Amino acid sequence: QVQLVESGGGVVQAGGSLRLSCAASGRTSSAYTMGWFRQAPGKDREFVVAINWDGSTTRYADSVRDRFTISRDNAKNTRYLQMNRLKPEDTAVYYCAALVSNWYVPRTDDEYHYWGQGTQVTVSS
């Protein structure tokens, strides 16, 4: 089992920045892919970005490419999502997710085995 805890959400004005963190605990000796998803009110959960264990592969949703950056610190079992130039349409609950793999980087949420509780990001116009 892997437990995931997100932090770093909050309220920010459009054009601002936030950094989300996702700390993993439990079965962290295995390699795992980490992804970020988000869900806005009344909408389906959508893929944002994912990174594989060694960082050699990242995938971004078109809507966040060039604004968001995912990074990792394996020593701390933590992944980060740096979000710049935020827009009101980025407002959502952001979830981190993980699956045990050292290479697979899927965009679909049903491929991920473990989920955090979510953190709210609100971007005001």
Protein backbone atom coordinates (compact mmCIF):
# COMPACT_ATOMS: atom_id res chain seq x y z
CA GLN A 1 0.00 0.00 0.00
CA VAL A 2 1.06 3.55 -0.70
CA GLN A 3 -0.42 6.49 1.17
CA LEU A 4 -0.44 9.88 -0.52
CA VAL A 5 -0.91 13.27 1.13
CA GLU A 6 -1.26 16.45 -0.91
CA SER A 7 -0.56 19.94 0.37
CA GLY A 8 -0.07 23.43 -0.97
CA GLY A 9 -3.49 24.31 -2.28
CA GLY A 10 -5.07 27.69 -1.66
CA VAL A 11 -6.52 30.81 -3.20
CA VAL A 12 -4.54 32.82 -5.69
CA GLN A 13 -5.28 35.56 -8.18
CA ALA A 14 -5.16 34.89 -11.89
CA GLY A 15 -1.59 35.04 -13.13
CA GLY A 16 -0.22 33.88 -9.81
CA SER A 17 1.57 30.69 -8.81
CA LEU A 18 1.17 27.81 -6.41
CA ARG A 19 3.23 24.73 -5.68
CA LEU A 20 1.51 21.51 -4.70
CA SER A 21 3.30 18.69 -2.94
CA CYS A 22 2.44 15.02 -2.75
CA ALA A 23 4.21 13.01 -0.08
CA ALA A 24 4.17 9.23 -0.34
CA SER A 25 4.54 6.79 2.52
CA GLY A 26 4.15 3.07 2.97
CA ARG A 27 5.37 0.84 0.18
CA THR A 28 7.74 3.44 -1.20
CA SER A 29 10.58 0.99 -1.81
CA SER A 30 8.95 0.12 -5.13
CA ALA A 31 9.28 2.34 -8.16
CA TYR A 32 6.10 4.17 -8.96
CA THR A 33 4.66 6.61 -11.43
CA MET A 34 3.04 9.70 -9.95
CA GLY A 35 0.26 11.65 -11.57
CA TRP A 36 -1.82 14.73 -10.85
CA PHE A 37 -5.50 14.93 -11.73
CA ARG A 38 -8.07 17.61 -11.03
CA GLN A 39 -11.81 17.85 -10.74
CA ALA A 40 -13.80 21.04 -11.05
CA PRO A 41 -17.37 21.30 -9.74
CA GLY A 42 -19.80 19.56 -12.05
CA LYS A 43 -17.05 18.16 -14.24
CA ASP A 44 -15.30 14.83 -14.62
CA ARG A 45 -11.87 14.29 -13.15
CA GLU A 46 -9.23 15.12 -15.72
CA PHE A 47 -5.57 14.33 -16.22
CA VAL A 48 -3.07 17.11 -15.57
CA VAL A 49 0.44 15.66 -15.60
CA ALA A 50 2.40 12.53 -14.72
CA ILE A 51 6.02 11.52 -14.27
CA ASN A 52 7.67 8.12 -14.11
CA TRP A 53 10.01 6.96 -11.38
CA ASP A 54 13.29 8.27 -12.73
CA GLY A 55 11.84 11.36 -14.38
CA SER A 56 12.74 10.23 -17.88
CA THR A 57 9.12 10.43 -19.03
CA THR A 58 6.59 13.16 -18.32
CA ARG A 59 3.18 13.72 -19.86
CA TYR A 60 1.22 16.97 -19.68
CA ALA A 61 -2.31 17.88 -20.58
CA ASP A 62 -2.35 20.44 -23.37
CA SER A 63 -4.21 22.88 -21.14
CA VAL A 64 -1.32 23.13 -18.67
CA ARG A 65 1.73 22.57 -20.84
CA ASP A 66 4.24 25.43 -20.52
CA ARG A 67 2.54 26.63 -17.32
CA PHE A 68 2.81 23.65 -14.98
CA THR A 69 5.94 21.66 -14.13
CA ILE A 70 6.11 18.34 -12.31
CA SER A 71 9.23 17.36 -10.42
CA ARG A 72 10.28 14.70 -7.97
CA ASP A 73 12.50 14.19 -4.96
CA ASN A 74 12.86 10.44 -4.57
CA ALA A 75 14.87 10.81 -1.38
CA LYS A 76 11.86 12.48 0.22
CA ASN A 77 9.30 10.35 -1.64
CA THR A 78 7.67 13.59 -2.70
CA ARG A 79 6.44 14.93 -6.02
CA TYR A 80 5.81 18.58 -6.70
CA LEU A 81 3.54 20.41 -9.10
CA GLN A 82 4.64 23.97 -9.80
CA MET A 83 1.72 25.89 -11.28
CA ASN A 84 2.45 29.25 -12.89
CA ARG A 85 0.29 31.76 -14.76
CA LEU A 86 -2.79 30.29 -13.15
CA LYS A 87 -6.17 30.88 -14.76
CA PRO A 88 -9.67 30.80 -13.25
CA GLU A 89 -10.33 27.63 -15.25
CA ASP A 90 -7.58 25.91 -13.24
CA THR A 91 -9.85 26.06 -10.20
CA ALA A 92 -10.44 22.50 -9.02
CA VAL A 93 -9.61 19.93 -6.39
CA TYR A 94 -6.21 18.53 -7.29
CA TYR A 95 -5.44 14.89 -6.56
CA CYS A 96 -2.15 13.06 -6.70
CA ALA A 97 -2.19 9.43 -7.70
CA ALA A 98 0.35 6.64 -7.96
CA LEU A 99 0.82 3.29 -9.59
CA VAL A 100 3.62 0.83 -9.08
CA SER A 101 5.72 0.94 -12.24
CA ASN A 102 9.11 2.22 -13.28
CA TRP A 103 8.13 3.13 -16.84
CA TYR A 104 4.35 3.29 -17.49
CA VAL A 105 2.91 6.83 -17.50
CA PRO A 106 -0.83 6.64 -18.22
CA ARG A 107 -3.24 9.55 -18.63
CA THR A 108 -6.35 7.69 -17.50
CA ASP A 109 -7.33 7.72 -13.85
CA ASP A 110 -8.45 4.10 -13.75
CA GLU A 111 -4.84 3.00 -14.29
CA TYR A 112 -3.72 4.46 -10.96
CA HIS A 113 -3.87 2.38 -7.80
CA TYR A 114 -3.45 4.92 -5.02
CA TRP A 115 -5.00 8.33 -4.46
CA GLY A 116 -4.57 11.24 -2.10
CA GLN A 117 -7.44 13.08 -0.44
CA GLY A 118 -7.17 16.12 -2.70
CA THR A 119 -6.32 19.77 -2.16
CA GLN A 120 -8.40 22.73 -3.30
CA VAL A 121 -6.96 25.26 -5.72
CA THR A 122 -9.02 28.39 -6.33
CA VAL A 123 -7.97 30.99 -8.87
CA SER A 124 -9.84 34.27 -8.69
CA SER A 125 -10.23 36.55 -11.68
